[in-house]
Amino acid sequence: MLVGAGLDRDNADGTPRCAIVDSGHRRRLDLALELPDDELGAVPTVEQTAQILDLIAAHVTSHRTTLVFVNTRSMAERVAHQLGERLGDELGAQVAAHHGSLSRGRRQRVEARLRAGDLRALVATASLELGIDVGPVELVCQIGSPRSFATFLQRVGRSNHTRTGTPSGRLYPTTRDELVECAALLRGTRQGRLDAIVVPERPLDILAQQMVAESAAEAWAEGELLGLARQAAPFRDLSAEDFEDITDLLAEGHPHRPRPTRLLPAPRPGERHGQGPPGRPAGRADLGRRHPRDSATSGSWPSPTRSRSAPSTRSGRWRAGPATCSCSAPTPGASAGWSRARSG
């Protein structure tokens, strides 16, 4: 995928013509799975949740700063509150929550406290995975399954983030299904496995975007642009028919989507599509006007013969030209009737 496709980029056996210079290195990780005493079921019980929070509270008291990751914003607030209650008044004041629903000012204050080492525990969602300097974090706890190797490694990598430090993480599955996921995740992480990446074959929507970008920069012949697209590995088997269809779509619009007739009424005598009525300047808004038969009071041109009754509590009459509406609305406690006239 990275080297593209073509005779000058593939070997005779079909393998890409490239060499792996450095595959990187694997850091030593301190990972463990911690479970409540009771057997996990389809949903966590109150007692199991309490035991998980007790285990995390014990880690918070024995570490300088602990990051607790959860999968929902509501759970972040709930876990932060319950941890604060377990840690008491002194340590409980050093527990906070961080997620995307907080205001920007509050998130910045929490991040500043974390960098300064003023927090003993911070309960967060994916909002704390990337982008900020988290300061001296010694342990990461994950409640529930993170669902992927990349997410788990990114979160655990927040702890002991130094050249000689060892990232430490603890997994806390809350259900039977999450236990299976977390066990497989822990085993795969220790074996150095990563998430499988599936590259889509011939994504025509991406091709359309690239064709627009290339054509906006310079003029292209269709054959040359097709050859350029086929140099990318996902489009190495792109057919000329698919390329022609995308070209027609970008040039003329969707061939199977008829133009809505109710949004573009037939032009009246003396006007063309895109023009307003006589004496009115043409504009793009005229292309989206409703047909006169749809509504006599829609803001477009009411039919001279169109009239309709108002709801049962009111009666009125609409006519073309300067619209005049006379209504009577008997309302308890109000006058017997009222009338109003307005210009269209």
Foldseek 3Di string as FASTA:
>chain_A
DVQFDDPVQADPVGHGPDDDPDPDDDAAAAEDEDFDPDDFAAFFDPVRVVRVLVVVLVVLVVDLAEEEEEADQVVQVVSLVVSLVVNDDPLNVQEEEDEDVDDPVVNVVNQVCQQVSSHSYYYYYCVPLDDHLRHAHAEYEYEFAPQFLVSVCSRQCSHQVDPPGHRYYYYYHRHPVRVVVVVVSVVCVVVVDGDDDDDAACPVVVVLVVVVVVCVVDNDDLVVSLVVQCRGHSCVPPDPVSSVQSVCCVVPNDPPDDDDCQQFDDDDPPDDTQQAPPPDGGDPVSSRDGDQVVDQPRPHFHDQPDFDADPPQWGWTFHGAQTATFIFGCDPPDDRGDGDGGGD
